[in-house]
């Protein structure tokens, strides 16, 4: 399930990024800036937790920046992060998932989380910020993609929709007898 959760995150991030690319930055500069800020924050948090999982020093002293990277850089860093996490969860031994890691947040507070909790946080954090981006896309008249887990599994396995229809159809025909 953890492997599939990171496949889902990669899929949802890519769909959100595609929608951001269609945003008219001339008409809606604040929406584009907000989306870039959210992406920047997402990737910086992922880079921080990646370092913590690897036992390395924090690569950043904050979870955002005054000067925002341009969209192509954010897209590349986000893609690299998604690929790294996908490979990491595929190789993570079951025994290591509950290993606690102690670290210091960038605000100076101490924290301890298991590897599994960190990975769950990365999935959940991305979902939260994609939701915020979707609101900005709505305000900028850009249809945002459905990025729910249900949309993902039915996109990855379209036959599931037919299976469900067949099951629902069977239940309906039984009721009509």
N, C-alpha and C. Protein backbone atom coordinates (compact mmCIF):
# COMPACT_ATOMS: atom_id res chain seq x y z
N UNK A 1 0.83 -1.20 0.00
CA UNK A 1 0.00 0.00 0.00
C UNK A 1 0.87 1.26 0.00
N UNK A 2 1.98 1.21 0.71
CA UNK A 2 2.88 2.37 0.76
C UNK A 2 3.49 2.66 -0.61
N UNK A 3 3.85 1.62 -1.32
CA UNK A 3 4.38 1.80 -2.68
C UNK A 3 3.32 2.45 -3.56
N UNK A 4 2.10 1.96 -3.48
CA UNK A 4 1.01 2.51 -4.29
C UNK A 4 0.69 3.95 -3.88
N UNK A 5 0.82 4.27 -2.60
CA UNK A 5 0.57 5.64 -2.13
C UNK A 5 1.54 6.62 -2.76
N UNK A 6 2.79 6.21 -2.93
CA UNK A 6 3.75 7.11 -3.57
C UNK A 6 3.58 7.15 -5.08
N UNK A 7 3.07 6.10 -5.67
CA UNK A 7 2.70 6.16 -7.10
C UNK A 7 1.55 7.15 -7.28
N UNK A 8 0.60 7.08 -6.35
CA UNK A 8 -0.52 8.02 -6.37
C UNK A 8 -0.03 9.46 -6.24
N UNK A 9 0.87 9.72 -5.29
CA UNK A 9 1.38 11.08 -5.08
C UNK A 9 2.06 11.60 -6.35
N UNK A 10 2.85 10.76 -6.97
CA UNK A 10 3.54 11.16 -8.19
C UNK A 10 2.52 11.51 -9.29
N UNK A 11 1.50 10.70 -9.43
CA UNK A 11 0.44 10.93 -10.42
C UNK A 11 -0.29 12.23 -10.12
N UNK A 12 -0.69 12.43 -8.87
CA UNK A 12 -1.45 13.63 -8.49
C UNK A 12 -0.61 14.89 -8.63
N UNK A 13 0.66 14.83 -8.23
CA UNK A 13 1.54 16.00 -8.38
C UNK A 13 1.70 16.38 -9.84
N UNK A 14 1.85 15.37 -10.70
CA UNK A 14 2.03 15.63 -12.14
C UNK A 14 0.77 16.29 -12.72
N UNK A 15 -0.41 15.82 -12.33
CA UNK A 15 -1.67 16.41 -12.82
C UNK A 15 -1.83 17.86 -12.35
N UNK A 16 -1.46 18.10 -11.11
CA UNK A 16 -1.55 19.45 -10.57
C UNK A 16 -0.58 20.37 -11.30
N UNK A 17 0.62 19.90 -11.54
CA UNK A 17 1.61 20.69 -12.25
C UNK A 17 1.14 21.01 -13.67
N UNK A 18 0.54 20.05 -14.34
CA UNK A 18 0.01 20.30 -15.68
C UNK A 18 -1.06 21.39 -15.65
N UNK A 19 -1.91 21.39 -14.64
CA UNK A 19 -2.94 22.42 -14.51
C UNK A 19 -2.30 23.79 -14.25
N UNK A 20 -1.28 23.83 -13.42
CA UNK A 20 -0.60 25.10 -13.14
C UNK A 20 0.02 25.65 -14.42
N UNK A 21 0.56 24.79 -15.23
CA UNK A 21 1.17 25.23 -16.50
C UNK A 21 0.15 25.90 -17.42
N UNK A 22 -1.13 25.53 -17.28
CA UNK A 22 -2.15 26.13 -18.14
C UNK A 22 -2.70 27.44 -17.58
N UNK A 23 -2.27 27.82 -16.40
CA UNK A 23 -2.73 29.05 -15.76
C UNK A 23 -2.17 30.26 -16.50
N UNK A 24 -2.99 31.24 -16.77
CA UNK A 24 -2.57 32.47 -17.43
C UNK A 24 -1.94 33.40 -16.39
N UNK A 25 -0.60 33.38 -16.32
CA UNK A 25 0.13 34.16 -15.34
C UNK A 25 0.02 35.66 -15.55
N UNK A 26 -0.33 36.09 -16.74
CA UNK A 26 -0.52 37.52 -17.01
C UNK A 26 -1.82 38.01 -16.39
N UNK A 27 -2.87 37.22 -16.56
CA UNK A 27 -4.17 37.59 -15.99
C UNK A 27 -4.26 37.32 -14.50
N UNK A 28 -3.59 36.27 -14.05
CA UNK A 28 -3.69 35.84 -12.66
C UNK A 28 -2.31 35.65 -12.04
N UNK A 29 -1.53 36.72 -11.95
CA UNK A 29 -0.16 36.57 -11.42
C UNK A 29 -0.12 36.10 -9.97
N UNK A 30 -1.08 36.53 -9.17
CA UNK A 30 -1.05 36.12 -7.76
C UNK A 30 -1.35 34.63 -7.61
N UNK A 31 -2.20 34.09 -8.46
CA UNK A 31 -2.50 32.65 -8.41
C UNK A 31 -1.28 31.84 -8.80
N UNK A 32 -0.57 32.30 -9.83
CA UNK A 32 0.64 31.60 -10.25
C UNK A 32 1.72 31.68 -9.16
N UNK A 33 1.86 32.85 -8.57
CA UNK A 33 2.84 33.00 -7.50
C UNK A 33 2.48 32.10 -6.32
N UNK A 34 1.21 32.05 -5.96
CA UNK A 34 0.77 31.19 -4.86
C UNK A 34 1.07 29.73 -5.17
N UNK A 35 0.76 29.29 -6.38
CA UNK A 35 1.01 27.89 -6.76
C UNK A 35 2.50 27.58 -6.68
N UNK A 36 3.34 28.50 -7.16
CA UNK A 36 4.79 28.30 -7.08
C UNK A 36 5.25 28.26 -5.62
N UNK A 37 4.68 29.09 -4.78
CA UNK A 37 5.05 29.11 -3.36
C UNK A 37 4.68 27.77 -2.72
N UNK A 38 3.50 27.25 -3.04
CA UNK A 38 3.07 25.98 -2.49
C UNK A 38 3.96 24.83 -2.97
N UNK A 39 4.29 24.82 -4.26
CA UNK A 39 5.18 23.79 -4.79
C UNK A 39 6.57 23.89 -4.15
N UNK A 40 7.06 25.11 -4.00
CA UNK A 40 8.37 25.32 -3.38
C UNK A 40 8.38 24.77 -1.95
N UNK A 41 7.33 25.08 -1.22
CA UNK A 41 7.22 24.58 0.15
C UNK A 41 7.15 23.05 0.17
N UNK A 42 6.34 22.48 -0.71
CA UNK A 42 6.22 21.03 -0.75
C UNK A 42 7.56 20.36 -0.98
N UNK A 43 8.29 20.83 -1.97
CA UNK A 43 9.54 20.17 -2.32
C UNK A 43 10.60 20.40 -1.24
N UNK A 44 10.62 21.57 -0.63
CA UNK A 44 11.59 21.82 0.44
C UNK A 44 11.33 20.91 1.65
N UNK A 45 10.06 20.73 2.00
CA UNK A 45 9.72 19.83 3.10
C UNK A 45 10.14 18.40 2.74
N UNK A 46 9.88 17.99 1.52
CA UNK A 46 10.28 16.65 1.09
C UNK A 46 11.80 16.49 1.14
N UNK A 47 12.53 17.52 0.72
CA UNK A 47 13.99 17.47 0.78
C UNK A 47 14.50 17.42 2.22
N UNK A 48 13.84 18.13 3.11
CA UNK A 48 14.20 18.08 4.53
C UNK A 48 14.00 16.68 5.09
N UNK A 49 12.83 16.09 4.83
CA UNK A 49 12.57 14.76 5.38
C UNK A 49 13.40 13.68 4.68
N UNK A 50 13.72 13.87 3.45
CA UNK A 50 14.62 12.93 2.76
C UNK A 50 15.97 12.90 3.47
N UNK A 51 16.49 14.07 3.79
CA UNK A 51 17.77 14.14 4.51
C UNK A 51 17.66 13.44 5.86
N UNK A 52 16.56 13.65 6.55
CA UNK A 52 16.36 13.02 7.86
C UNK A 52 16.29 11.50 7.74
N UNK A 53 15.62 11.01 6.72
CA UNK A 53 15.56 9.56 6.51
C UNK A 53 16.95 8.98 6.23
N UNK A 54 17.79 9.78 5.60
CA UNK A 54 19.14 9.33 5.25
C UNK A 54 20.16 9.62 6.35
N UNK A 55 19.74 10.32 7.41
CA UNK A 55 20.66 10.66 8.48
C UNK A 55 21.61 11.79 8.13
N UNK A 56 21.20 12.65 7.21
CA UNK A 56 22.03 13.77 6.76
C UNK A 56 21.57 15.07 7.42
N UNK A 57 22.41 16.08 7.32
CA UNK A 57 22.04 17.40 7.81
C UNK A 57 20.91 17.99 6.96
N UNK A 58 20.12 18.83 7.59
CA UNK A 58 19.05 19.50 6.85
C UNK A 58 19.63 20.33 5.71
N UNK A 59 19.09 20.19 4.50
CA UNK A 59 19.58 20.97 3.37
C UNK A 59 19.05 22.40 3.33
N UNK A 60 18.06 22.70 4.18
CA UNK A 60 17.43 24.03 4.18
C UNK A 60 17.24 24.50 5.62
N UNK A 61 17.25 25.80 5.80
CA UNK A 61 17.00 26.37 7.13
C UNK A 61 15.57 26.90 7.25
N UNK A 62 14.77 26.72 6.21
CA UNK A 62 13.38 27.15 6.23
C UNK A 62 12.58 26.26 5.29
N UNK A 63 11.26 26.34 5.41
CA UNK A 63 10.40 25.52 4.54
C UNK A 63 9.90 26.30 3.33
N UNK A 64 10.38 27.52 3.14
CA UNK A 64 10.08 28.28 1.94
C UNK A 64 11.16 29.32 1.74
N UNK A 65 11.07 30.08 0.66
CA UNK A 65 12.09 31.07 0.33
C UNK A 65 11.42 32.39 -0.05
N UNK A 66 12.17 33.45 0.11
CA UNK A 66 11.69 34.78 -0.32
C UNK A 66 11.57 34.83 -1.83
N UNK A 67 12.60 34.36 -2.52
CA UNK A 67 12.61 34.34 -3.98
C UNK A 67 12.18 32.94 -4.41
N UNK A 68 11.11 32.90 -5.18
CA UNK A 68 10.56 31.61 -5.60
C UNK A 68 11.24 31.10 -6.86
N UNK A 69 11.60 29.83 -6.88
CA UNK A 69 12.12 29.25 -8.12
C UNK A 69 11.04 29.28 -9.21
N UNK A 70 11.48 29.26 -10.43
CA UNK A 70 10.55 29.23 -11.56
C UNK A 70 9.93 27.83 -11.66
N UNK A 71 8.83 27.76 -12.36
CA UNK A 71 8.08 26.53 -12.47
C UNK A 71 8.90 25.35 -13.02
N UNK A 72 9.73 25.53 -14.06
CA UNK A 72 10.51 24.38 -14.53
C UNK A 72 11.43 23.78 -13.46
N UNK A 73 12.05 24.63 -12.66
CA UNK A 73 12.91 24.11 -11.59
C UNK A 73 12.09 23.37 -10.55
N UNK A 74 10.95 23.93 -10.18
CA UNK A 74 10.08 23.28 -9.19
C UNK A 74 9.58 21.94 -9.72
N UNK A 75 9.25 21.90 -10.99
CA UNK A 75 8.78 20.65 -11.61
C UNK A 75 9.88 19.59 -11.56
N UNK A 76 11.09 19.98 -11.88
CA UNK A 76 12.21 19.03 -11.88
C UNK A 76 12.51 18.53 -10.46
N UNK A 77 12.56 19.44 -9.51
CA UNK A 77 12.83 19.04 -8.13
C UNK A 77 11.71 18.17 -7.58
N UNK A 78 10.46 18.50 -7.91
CA UNK A 78 9.34 17.69 -7.47
C UNK A 78 9.39 16.29 -8.07
N UNK A 79 9.71 16.21 -9.34
CA UNK A 79 9.83 14.91 -10.01
C UNK A 79 10.96 14.09 -9.40
N UNK A 80 12.10 14.73 -9.17
CA UNK A 80 13.23 14.03 -8.54
C UNK A 80 12.84 13.51 -7.16
N UNK A 81 12.13 14.34 -6.40
CA UNK A 81 11.71 13.95 -5.06
C UNK A 81 10.75 12.76 -5.12
N UNK A 82 9.78 12.84 -6.01
CA UNK A 82 8.82 11.74 -6.15
C UNK A 82 9.51 10.44 -6.54
N UNK A 83 10.47 10.52 -7.45
CA UNK A 83 11.20 9.32 -7.87
C UNK A 83 12.01 8.76 -6.70
N UNK A 84 12.64 9.64 -5.93
CA UNK A 84 13.44 9.17 -4.80
C UNK A 84 12.56 8.46 -3.78
N UNK A 85 11.44 9.08 -3.40
CA UNK A 85 10.56 8.46 -2.41
C UNK A 85 9.98 7.15 -2.93
N UNK A 86 9.63 7.08 -4.19
CA UNK A 86 9.10 5.84 -4.76
C UNK A 86 10.13 4.72 -4.66
N UNK A 87 11.38 5.02 -4.98
CA UNK A 87 12.44 4.01 -4.86
C UNK A 87 12.71 3.66 -3.40
N UNK A 88 12.67 4.67 -2.55
CA UNK A 88 12.94 4.45 -1.13
C UNK A 88 11.93 3.47 -0.52
N UNK A 89 10.64 3.68 -0.79
CA UNK A 89 9.63 2.80 -0.18
C UNK A 89 9.70 1.39 -0.77
N UNK A 90 10.11 1.27 -2.02
CA UNK A 90 10.25 -0.07 -2.61
C UNK A 90 11.37 -0.86 -1.95
N UNK A 91 12.40 -0.15 -1.49
CA UNK A 91 13.57 -0.82 -0.91
C UNK A 91 13.53 -0.87 0.62
N UNK A 92 12.59 -0.20 1.25
CA UNK A 92 12.54 -0.13 2.70
C UNK A 92 12.10 -1.48 3.29
N UNK A 93 12.95 -2.01 4.14
CA UNK A 93 12.63 -3.28 4.79
C UNK A 93 11.52 -3.08 5.81
N UNK A 94 10.67 -4.07 5.96
CA UNK A 94 9.55 -3.98 6.91
C UNK A 94 10.04 -3.66 8.32
N UNK A 95 11.14 -4.26 8.71
CA UNK A 95 11.67 -4.03 10.06
C UNK A 95 12.09 -2.58 10.28
N UNK A 96 12.44 -1.88 9.22
CA UNK A 96 12.92 -0.50 9.35
C UNK A 96 11.81 0.53 9.40
N UNK A 97 10.59 0.15 9.02
CA UNK A 97 9.49 1.11 8.95
C UNK A 97 9.16 1.74 10.30
N UNK A 98 9.35 1.00 11.37
CA UNK A 98 9.00 1.51 12.70
C UNK A 98 10.21 2.09 13.44
N UNK A 99 11.33 2.20 12.76
CA UNK A 99 12.51 2.81 13.38
C UNK A 99 12.25 4.30 13.61
N UNK A 100 12.48 4.74 14.84
CA UNK A 100 12.27 6.15 15.19
C UNK A 100 13.49 6.97 14.78
N UNK A 101 13.22 8.15 14.26
CA UNK A 101 14.27 9.09 13.87
C UNK A 101 14.01 10.38 14.63
N UNK A 102 15.02 10.85 15.35
CA UNK A 102 14.93 12.12 16.07
C UNK A 102 15.64 13.18 15.25
N UNK A 103 15.07 14.38 15.23
CA UNK A 103 15.61 15.47 14.42
C UNK A 103 15.14 16.79 14.99
N UNK A 104 15.62 17.85 14.39
CA UNK A 104 15.19 19.18 14.77
C UNK A 104 14.49 19.82 13.58
N UNK A 105 13.25 20.29 13.81
CA UNK A 105 12.53 21.02 12.77
C UNK A 105 13.25 22.35 12.51
N UNK A 106 12.96 22.97 11.38
CA UNK A 106 13.63 24.23 11.05
C UNK A 106 13.24 25.36 12.00
N UNK A 107 12.13 25.20 12.73
CA UNK A 107 11.75 26.23 13.71
C UNK A 107 12.46 26.03 15.05
N UNK A 108 13.34 25.02 15.12
CA UNK A 108 14.12 24.78 16.32
C UNK A 108 13.54 23.74 17.27
N UNK A 109 12.28 23.37 17.07
CA UNK A 109 11.66 22.37 17.94
C UNK A 109 12.18 20.97 17.59
N UNK A 110 12.29 20.13 18.58
CA UNK A 110 12.72 18.75 18.38
C UNK A 110 11.53 17.90 17.94
N UNK A 111 11.82 16.84 17.24
CA UNK A 111 10.79 15.92 16.83
C UNK A 111 11.32 14.51 16.72
N UNK A 112 10.44 13.55 16.87
CA UNK A 112 10.77 12.14 16.66
C UNK A 112 9.60 11.51 15.93
N UNK A 113 9.91 10.84 14.85
CA UNK A 113 8.89 10.16 14.05
C UNK A 113 9.49 8.85 13.55
N UNK A 114 8.64 7.85 13.35
CA UNK A 114 9.13 6.63 12.72
C UNK A 114 9.25 6.90 11.22
N UNK A 115 9.99 6.04 10.56
CA UNK A 115 10.12 6.17 9.10
C UNK A 115 8.73 6.11 8.45
N UNK A 116 7.88 5.24 8.93
CA UNK A 116 6.53 5.11 8.39
C UNK A 116 5.73 6.40 8.60
N UNK A 117 5.84 7.01 9.77
CA UNK A 117 5.14 8.27 10.03
C UNK A 117 5.65 9.38 9.12
N UNK A 118 6.95 9.41 8.89
CA UNK A 118 7.51 10.41 7.96
C UNK A 118 6.93 10.21 6.57
N UNK A 119 6.89 8.98 6.12
CA UNK A 119 6.37 8.70 4.79
C UNK A 119 4.88 9.06 4.68
N UNK A 120 4.12 8.74 5.73
CA UNK A 120 2.71 9.14 5.74
C UNK A 120 2.59 10.66 5.70
N UNK A 121 3.45 11.35 6.44
CA UNK A 121 3.42 12.81 6.45
C UNK A 121 3.66 13.36 5.04
N UNK A 122 4.60 12.79 4.32
CA UNK A 122 4.90 13.27 2.96
C UNK A 122 3.68 13.12 2.06
N UNK A 123 3.00 11.99 2.14
CA UNK A 123 1.78 11.78 1.34
C UNK A 123 0.72 12.80 1.74
N UNK A 124 0.46 12.91 3.03
CA UNK A 124 -0.59 13.78 3.54
C UNK A 124 -0.27 15.26 3.26
N UNK A 125 0.97 15.64 3.44
CA UNK A 125 1.40 17.02 3.21
C UNK A 125 1.16 17.43 1.77
N UNK A 126 1.51 16.55 0.83
CA UNK A 126 1.28 16.84 -0.58
C UNK A 126 -0.19 17.01 -0.90
N UNK A 127 -1.02 16.16 -0.31
CA UNK A 127 -2.47 16.24 -0.54
C UNK A 127 -3.01 17.58 -0.06
N UNK A 128 -2.58 17.99 1.11
CA UNK A 128 -3.03 19.26 1.68
C UNK A 128 -2.68 20.43 0.76
N UNK A 129 -1.43 20.48 0.30
CA UNK A 129 -1.01 21.62 -0.52
C UNK A 129 -1.55 21.57 -1.94
N UNK A 130 -1.78 20.38 -2.48
CA UNK A 130 -2.45 20.30 -3.79
C UNK A 130 -3.86 20.86 -3.68
N UNK A 131 -4.51 20.64 -2.54
CA UNK A 131 -5.85 21.21 -2.31
C UNK A 131 -5.81 22.73 -2.32
N UNK A 132 -4.79 23.30 -1.68
CA UNK A 132 -4.65 24.76 -1.67
C UNK A 132 -4.40 25.27 -3.08
N UNK A 133 -3.58 24.56 -3.82
CA UNK A 133 -3.30 24.95 -5.21
C UNK A 133 -4.58 24.87 -6.04
N UNK A 134 -5.38 23.84 -5.81
CA UNK A 134 -6.64 23.70 -6.55
C UNK A 134 -7.55 24.89 -6.34
N UNK A 135 -7.57 25.41 -5.13
CA UNK A 135 -8.38 26.60 -4.87
C UNK A 135 -7.85 27.79 -5.68
N UNK A 136 -6.55 27.97 -5.72
CA UNK A 136 -5.96 29.05 -6.53
C UNK A 136 -6.28 28.85 -8.01
N UNK A 137 -6.26 27.61 -8.46
CA UNK A 137 -6.60 27.33 -9.86
C UNK A 137 -8.05 27.69 -10.14
N UNK A 138 -8.93 27.35 -9.21
CA UNK A 138 -10.34 27.74 -9.36
C UNK A 138 -10.48 29.25 -9.50
N UNK A 139 -9.79 29.99 -8.65
CA UNK A 139 -9.86 31.45 -8.68
C UNK A 139 -9.31 32.02 -9.99
N UNK A 140 -8.39 31.27 -10.61
CA UNK A 140 -7.79 31.71 -11.87
C UNK A 140 -8.48 31.08 -13.08
N UNK A 141 -9.66 30.54 -12.85
CA UNK A 141 -10.49 29.97 -13.92
C UNK A 141 -9.82 28.81 -14.65
N UNK A 142 -9.02 28.03 -13.92
CA UNK A 142 -8.38 26.85 -14.49
C UNK A 142 -9.01 25.62 -13.84
N UNK A 143 -9.62 24.77 -14.64
CA UNK A 143 -10.18 23.55 -14.05
C UNK A 143 -9.05 22.72 -13.45
N UNK A 144 -9.20 22.38 -12.19
CA UNK A 144 -8.17 21.55 -11.58
C UNK A 144 -8.53 20.08 -11.72
N UNK A 145 -7.52 19.25 -11.84
CA UNK A 145 -7.79 17.84 -12.05
C UNK A 145 -8.26 17.17 -10.77
N UNK A 146 -9.06 16.16 -10.94
CA UNK A 146 -9.40 15.31 -9.79
C UNK A 146 -8.12 14.59 -9.40
N UNK A 147 -7.72 14.77 -8.16
CA UNK A 147 -6.47 14.11 -7.74
C UNK A 147 -6.70 13.21 -6.54
N UNK A 148 -7.91 12.70 -6.41
CA UNK A 148 -8.21 11.82 -5.30
C UNK A 148 -7.64 10.42 -5.55
N UNK A 149 -7.50 9.68 -4.48
CA UNK A 149 -6.99 8.32 -4.60
C UNK A 149 -7.93 7.47 -5.45
N UNK A 150 -9.23 7.69 -5.32
CA UNK A 150 -10.19 6.92 -6.11
C UNK A 150 -10.02 7.19 -7.60
N UNK A 151 -9.76 8.45 -7.96
CA UNK A 151 -9.52 8.77 -9.37
C UNK A 151 -8.25 8.08 -9.85
N UNK A 152 -7.23 8.04 -9.00
CA UNK A 152 -5.97 7.40 -9.36
C UNK A 152 -6.15 5.91 -9.64
N UNK A 153 -6.78 5.19 -8.73
CA UNK A 153 -6.87 3.74 -8.94
C UNK A 153 -7.74 3.40 -10.15
N UNK A 154 -8.75 4.22 -10.41
CA UNK A 154 -9.58 3.93 -11.58
C UNK A 154 -8.93 4.39 -12.87
N UNK A 155 -8.02 5.35 -12.77
CA UNK A 155 -7.23 5.74 -13.94
C UNK A 155 -6.19 4.66 -14.25
N UNK A 156 -5.57 4.14 -13.19
CA UNK A 156 -4.56 3.10 -13.36
C UNK A 156 -5.17 1.77 -13.78
N UNK A 157 -6.38 1.51 -13.32
CA UNK A 157 -7.06 0.24 -13.62
C UNK A 157 -8.50 0.51 -14.06
N UNK A 158 -8.68 0.99 -15.30
CA UNK A 158 -10.03 1.36 -15.76
C UNK A 158 -11.03 0.21 -15.71
N UNK A 159 -10.56 -1.00 -15.75
CA UNK A 159 -11.48 -2.14 -15.70
C UNK A 159 -12.24 -2.19 -14.38
N UNK A 160 -11.69 -1.57 -13.34
CA UNK A 160 -12.40 -1.55 -12.05
C UNK A 160 -13.76 -0.86 -12.16
N UNK A 161 -13.85 0.13 -13.02
CA UNK A 161 -15.14 0.81 -13.19
C UNK A 161 -16.18 -0.16 -13.77
N UNK A 162 -15.76 -0.96 -14.73
CA UNK A 162 -16.67 -1.93 -15.34
C UNK A 162 -17.02 -3.03 -14.34
N UNK A 163 -16.05 -3.45 -13.54
CA UNK A 163 -16.34 -4.47 -12.53
C UNK A 163 -17.39 -3.97 -11.56
N UNK A 164 -17.25 -2.73 -11.15
CA UNK A 164 -18.21 -2.17 -10.20
C UNK A 164 -19.59 -2.06 -10.84
N UNK A 165 -19.61 -1.62 -12.08
CA UNK A 165 -20.90 -1.51 -12.77
C UNK A 165 -21.54 -2.88 -12.90
N UNK A 166 -20.73 -3.87 -13.17
CA UNK A 166 -21.28 -5.22 -13.31
C UNK A 166 -21.83 -5.70 -11.97
N UNK A 167 -21.11 -5.42 -10.87
CA UNK A 167 -21.57 -5.84 -9.55
C UNK A 167 -22.84 -5.09 -9.17
N UNK A 168 -22.85 -3.78 -9.40
CA UNK A 168 -24.04 -2.99 -9.09
C UNK A 168 -25.21 -3.43 -9.97
N UNK A 169 -24.91 -3.68 -11.25
CA UNK A 169 -25.94 -4.16 -12.15
C UNK A 169 -26.52 -5.48 -11.70
N UNK A 170 -25.67 -6.38 -11.22
CA UNK A 170 -26.14 -7.69 -10.72
C UNK A 170 -27.02 -7.51 -9.50
N UNK A 171 -26.60 -6.63 -8.61
CA UNK A 171 -27.40 -6.38 -7.41
C UNK A 171 -28.75 -5.79 -7.78
N UNK A 172 -28.77 -4.88 -8.75
CA UNK A 172 -30.02 -4.27 -9.17
C UNK A 172 -30.93 -5.31 -9.80
N UNK A 173 -30.37 -6.19 -10.62
CA UNK A 173 -31.21 -7.20 -11.26
C UNK A 173 -31.77 -8.19 -10.23
N UNK A 174 -30.98 -8.47 -9.17
CA UNK A 174 -31.50 -9.34 -8.12
C UNK A 174 -32.66 -8.69 -7.37
N UNK A 175 -32.55 -7.37 -7.16
CA UNK A 175 -33.64 -6.65 -6.45
C UNK A 175 -34.89 -6.61 -7.31
N UNK A 176 -34.74 -6.57 -8.62
CA UNK A 176 -35.89 -6.45 -9.51
C UNK A 176 -36.59 -7.77 -9.76
N UNK A 177 -36.07 -8.85 -9.23
CA UNK A 177 -36.69 -10.17 -9.45
C UNK A 177 -37.92 -10.36 -8.63
